[in-house]
Amino acid sequence: MTVQLDKTLYVAKAEATGGREGYIRSDDGALDMPLTTPKELGGAGNFGVNPEQLFAAGYAACFIGAMKVVAQRNGQVLSAGTKVNGEVGIGPVGQGFNISVVLNIAVPDMSGDELEMLVSAAHEVCPYSNAIRNNVDVVLNII
């Protein structure tokens, strides 16, 4: 099922060259770095980032944004110390590959049912969560 946006608010643009042993750069130059393949995937482990790290960082940051939206809708303010650590695994599925995600979520000054409801609602709001729902295993750990 394809989801159509009601309205496009922003378009990020970036270019990759050379694949996993290449380079990435955003159109504004803010993202400008080499890519490398981790040793676990057969690479040399040279300095650089890989697509899984980028996905983990993007999803973690986006999920905090979703939690802020939900908190604001509920008349709450999300603590500045809120942290989400993203973990993205990659492995074979049939003839191809897929990823799995674990988000480790810490929100100071909030716990119990209130935090569980916030995290659950954020998972429904977050664009990353919505984009991969029913296609990627996602584990949400409240720590």
Protein backbone atom coordinates (compact mmCIF):
# COMPACT_ATOMS: atom_id res chain seq x y z
CA MET A 1 0.00 0.00 0.00
CA THR A 2 1.40 3.36 -1.00
CA VAL A 3 0.75 6.32 1.27
CA GLN A 4 0.29 9.72 -0.33
CA LEU A 5 1.34 12.78 1.63
CA ASP A 6 -1.38 15.35 2.18
CA LYS A 7 1.25 18.02 1.67
CA THR A 8 5.04 17.94 1.28
CA LEU A 9 6.54 20.21 3.94
CA TYR A 10 10.23 19.60 3.26
CA VAL A 11 12.40 17.64 0.83
CA ALA A 12 15.87 16.46 1.89
CA LYS A 13 18.33 15.98 -0.95
CA ALA A 14 21.55 13.99 -0.84
CA GLU A 15 23.77 12.21 -3.33
CA ALA A 16 25.68 8.99 -2.86
CA THR A 17 28.51 7.82 -5.07
CA GLY A 18 30.47 4.57 -4.93
CA GLY A 19 28.02 2.57 -2.81
CA ARG A 20 29.18 1.35 0.58
CA GLU A 21 32.78 2.36 -0.20
CA GLY A 22 31.81 5.75 -1.55
CA TYR A 23 30.79 9.17 -0.42
CA ILE A 24 27.63 11.02 0.60
CA ARG A 25 26.84 14.71 0.43
CA SER A 26 23.66 16.69 1.01
CA ASP A 27 22.79 19.44 -1.42
CA ASP A 28 23.52 22.09 1.24
CA GLY A 29 26.87 20.50 2.22
CA ALA A 30 25.85 19.93 5.86
CA LEU A 31 26.24 16.18 5.35
CA ASP A 32 29.55 15.49 3.65
CA MET A 33 31.36 12.27 4.51
CA PRO A 34 32.93 9.05 3.34
CA LEU A 35 31.12 5.72 3.50
CA THR A 36 32.76 2.46 4.47
CA THR A 37 31.69 -1.13 4.84
CA PRO A 38 31.95 -2.59 8.36
CA LYS A 39 34.26 -5.57 8.86
CA GLU A 40 31.21 -7.68 9.76
CA LEU A 41 29.93 -7.16 6.20
CA GLY A 42 33.27 -7.91 4.55
CA GLY A 43 34.74 -4.41 4.56
CA ALA A 44 38.08 -3.17 5.78
CA GLY A 45 36.50 -1.22 8.61
CA ASN A 46 38.06 2.04 7.45
CA PHE A 47 36.94 5.39 8.88
CA GLY A 48 33.56 6.43 7.59
CA VAL A 49 29.91 5.81 8.20
CA ASN A 50 27.58 3.21 6.79
CA PRO A 51 23.90 3.31 5.80
CA GLU A 52 22.84 1.43 8.94
CA GLN A 53 24.47 4.05 11.18
CA LEU A 54 22.76 6.82 9.24
CA PHE A 55 19.40 5.07 9.56
CA ALA A 56 19.93 4.48 13.30
CA ALA A 57 20.79 8.15 13.90
CA GLY A 58 17.97 9.45 11.72
CA TYR A 59 15.36 7.19 13.29
CA ALA A 60 16.51 8.05 16.84
CA ALA A 61 16.37 11.79 16.17
CA CYS A 62 13.03 11.53 14.38
CA PHE A 63 11.54 9.46 17.20
CA ILE A 64 12.47 12.16 19.74
CA GLY A 65 10.73 14.66 17.46
CA ALA A 66 7.62 12.48 17.43
CA MET A 67 7.71 12.22 21.23
CA LYS A 68 7.90 16.04 21.42
CA VAL A 69 4.84 16.34 19.17
CA VAL A 70 2.85 13.88 21.28
CA ALA A 71 3.96 15.50 24.54
CA GLN A 72 2.97 18.94 23.25
CA ARG A 73 -0.45 17.63 22.16
CA ASN A 74 -0.89 16.34 25.74
CA GLY A 75 0.15 19.65 27.30
CA GLN A 76 3.50 18.24 28.42
CA VAL A 77 7.08 19.30 27.87
CA LEU A 78 9.59 16.60 27.03
CA SER A 79 12.71 16.73 29.20
CA ALA A 80 15.84 18.12 27.54
CA GLY A 81 17.65 14.99 28.77
CA THR A 82 15.53 12.68 26.61
CA LYS A 83 17.69 10.20 24.70
CA VAL A 84 17.00 7.58 22.08
CA ASN A 85 19.77 5.19 21.10
CA GLY A 86 19.07 3.56 17.77
CA GLU A 87 20.39 0.17 16.76
CA VAL A 88 19.97 -1.07 13.20
CA GLY A 89 20.87 -4.64 12.33
CA ILE A 90 21.21 -5.97 8.80
CA GLY A 91 21.02 -9.54 7.63
CA PRO A 92 19.84 -11.89 4.91
CA VAL A 93 16.18 -12.54 4.19
CA GLY A 94 15.64 -15.05 1.40
CA GLN A 95 17.60 -13.84 -1.62
CA GLY A 96 17.99 -10.28 -0.30
CA PHE A 97 18.61 -8.37 2.89
CA ASN A 98 16.53 -6.49 5.43
CA ILE A 99 17.09 -4.57 8.61
CA SER A 100 15.84 -4.74 12.18
CA VAL A 101 15.60 -1.84 14.61
CA VAL A 102 15.88 -1.43 18.37
CA LEU A 103 15.21 1.97 19.93
CA ASN A 104 16.38 2.35 23.54
CA ILE A 105 14.39 5.25 24.96
CA ALA A 106 15.17 7.20 28.14
CA VAL A 107 13.00 10.09 29.32
CA PRO A 108 14.09 11.63 32.64
CA ASP A 109 11.28 12.64 35.00
CA MET A 110 8.73 10.36 33.30
CA SER A 111 8.06 6.70 33.92
CA GLY A 112 5.42 4.02 34.06
CA ASP A 113 2.16 4.16 32.15
CA GLU A 114 2.64 7.81 31.17
CA LEU A 115 5.93 7.04 29.41
CA GLU A 116 4.59 3.87 27.80
CA MET A 117 1.63 5.81 26.37
CA LEU A 118 3.96 8.55 25.08
CA VAL A 119 6.26 6.03 23.37
CA SER A 120 3.34 4.10 21.87
CA ALA A 121 1.75 7.29 20.50
CA ALA A 122 5.10 8.53 19.16
CA HIS A 123 5.50 5.23 17.30
CA GLU A 124 2.23 6.02 15.49
CA VAL A 125 3.33 9.61 14.69
CA CYS A 126 6.99 9.06 13.70
CA PRO A 127 7.56 9.09 9.91
CA TYR A 128 10.28 6.45 10.16
CA SER A 129 7.97 4.15 12.12
CA ASN A 130 5.20 4.69 9.60
CA ALA A 131 7.51 4.13 6.63
CA ILE A 132 8.74 0.73 7.83
CA ARG A 133 5.66 -0.54 9.69
CA ASN A 134 4.83 -4.18 8.87
CA ASN A 135 8.11 -4.58 6.97
CA VAL A 136 10.83 -4.17 9.61
CA ASP A 137 10.95 -5.58 13.13
CA VAL A 138 11.06 -2.65 15.56
CA VAL A 139 11.61 -3.09 19.30
CA LEU A 140 10.94 -0.13 21.58
CA ASN A 141 12.82 -0.47 24.88
CA ILE A 142 12.08 1.99 27.65
CA ILE A 143 15.21 2.21 29.78
